[in-house]
Protein backbone atom coordinates (compact mmCIF):
# COMPACT_ATOMS: atom_id res chain seq x y z
CA MET A 1 0.00 0.00 0.00
CA ILE A 2 1.33 3.44 -0.96
CA THR A 3 0.62 6.40 1.27
CA ALA A 4 0.87 10.06 0.33
CA ILE A 5 0.17 13.20 2.32
CA VAL A 6 -1.31 16.16 0.45
CA LEU A 7 -1.15 19.61 2.06
CA ILE A 8 -3.93 21.79 0.68
CA HIS A 9 -4.68 25.52 0.54
CA VAL A 10 -8.43 26.15 0.28
CA GLN A 11 -10.69 29.17 -0.04
CA ARG A 12 -11.43 29.59 3.67
CA GLN A 13 -15.20 29.94 3.45
CA SER A 14 -15.45 26.51 1.85
CA LEU A 15 -13.41 24.21 4.09
CA PRO A 16 -16.23 21.76 5.00
CA GLU A 17 -17.46 21.46 1.40
CA THR A 18 -13.93 20.97 0.09
CA ALA A 19 -13.17 18.31 2.71
CA GLN A 20 -16.34 16.44 1.75
CA ALA A 21 -15.51 16.67 -1.98
CA LEU A 22 -12.04 15.25 -1.26
CA LEU A 23 -13.52 12.32 0.67
CA GLU A 24 -15.60 11.41 -2.37
CA ILE A 25 -12.41 10.73 -4.37
CA GLU A 26 -11.43 7.07 -4.36
CA GLY A 27 -8.03 6.75 -2.73
CA VAL A 28 -8.52 9.62 -0.29
CA ALA A 29 -8.63 7.84 3.06
CA GLU A 30 -8.81 10.77 5.47
CA VAL A 31 -9.03 14.57 5.43
CA TYR A 32 -8.03 16.77 8.37
CA SER A 33 -8.58 20.47 8.91
CA VAL A 34 -5.37 21.88 10.37
CA ALA A 35 -3.87 25.07 11.74
CA GLY A 36 -0.79 26.67 10.24
CA ASP A 37 0.26 27.30 6.66
CA TYR A 38 -2.23 24.86 5.16
CA ASP A 39 -5.98 24.46 5.58
CA LEU A 40 -6.52 20.75 4.93
CA VAL A 41 -4.39 17.62 4.89
CA ALA A 42 -5.51 14.63 2.82
CA ILE A 43 -4.11 11.16 3.40
CA LEU A 44 -4.05 9.04 0.24
CA ARG A 45 -3.83 5.24 0.37
CA LEU A 46 -3.11 3.81 -3.06
CA ARG A 47 -2.13 0.59 -4.78
CA GLN A 48 0.15 2.21 -7.40
CA PHE A 49 2.13 5.44 -7.71
CA ASP A 50 0.33 6.24 -10.98
CA GLU A 51 -2.89 6.69 -9.00
CA MET A 52 -1.30 9.57 -7.09
CA ALA A 53 -0.81 11.62 -10.24
CA GLN A 54 -4.37 11.00 -11.35
CA ILE A 55 -5.86 11.95 -7.98
CA VAL A 56 -3.80 15.09 -7.43
CA THR A 57 -3.46 16.49 -10.94
CA GLU A 58 -6.87 15.48 -12.26
CA ARG A 59 -9.43 14.79 -9.54
CA MET A 60 -8.29 17.34 -6.93
CA ALA A 61 -7.63 19.91 -9.64
CA ARG A 62 -11.35 19.82 -10.52
CA ILE A 63 -12.28 21.08 -7.04
CA GLY A 64 -12.42 24.82 -7.67
CA THR A 65 -12.02 25.80 -4.02
CA ILE A 66 -8.53 24.26 -3.84
CA THR A 67 -5.98 26.96 -4.59
CA ARG A 68 -2.71 25.04 -4.11
CA THR A 69 -1.40 21.63 -3.04
CA LEU A 70 1.88 20.10 -1.93
CA THR A 71 2.11 16.31 -2.29
CA MET A 72 4.50 14.22 -0.23
CA PRO A 73 4.80 10.49 -1.01
CA ALA A 74 5.58 8.54 2.16
CA PHE A 75 8.53 6.14 2.14
CA GLN A 76 8.50 4.58 5.60
CA CYS A 77 5.90 4.41 8.35
CA TYR A 78 6.95 4.72 11.96
CA SER A 79 4.42 4.26 14.72
CA ASN A 80 4.56 4.03 18.51
CA ARG A 81 3.89 0.32 18.26
CA ASP A 82 6.79 -0.18 15.83
CA LEU A 83 9.15 1.89 18.01
CA GLU A 84 8.23 -0.05 21.15
CA ARG A 85 8.91 -3.31 19.36
CA MET A 86 12.22 -2.02 17.95
CA TRP A 87 13.52 -0.87 21.33
CA ALA A 88 12.45 -4.15 22.95
CA ILE A 89 14.77 -6.24 20.76
CA GLY A 90 17.10 -8.20 22.99
CA MET A 91 15.22 -7.15 26.09
CA GLU A 92 13.26 -10.36 26.48
CA GLU A 93 13.31 -11.71 30.01
CA PRO A 94 15.27 -14.95 30.33
CA PRO A 95 13.21 -17.99 31.21
CA THR A 96 12.91 -18.64 34.93
CA GLY A 97 13.13 -21.99 36.58
CA SER A 98 15.66 -24.68 36.93
C-alpha cells in the first residue's frame, strides 16, 4: 500500500465542502482540517504510484475551491507500536526456573 500526504490551501469559506468533496475521491482515506500554513491535509492510500498523479493532478484539480497543493509520497511508516517493538529487541526476560 502506498501512502501520500497532500497539504492543501483552500478558499477559507469553503473548508467543509472541500473536505467532503475530497472524501468522495477514491483513494482519499482521510481529510483533516489543520492550523498553520495549510488548511486541509488529505491522506491518500493507493495501490500504485500512478494513481497519485491522477488523484492530485486530475481529480483534486477539478475542485475549484482548492488553490494550491503540496504532495509528499511517504517512504517509511513509523508508529509508537513499531518503536516499542524495535527498542524491545534483545530485552526479552530470560526464562525462569531450573
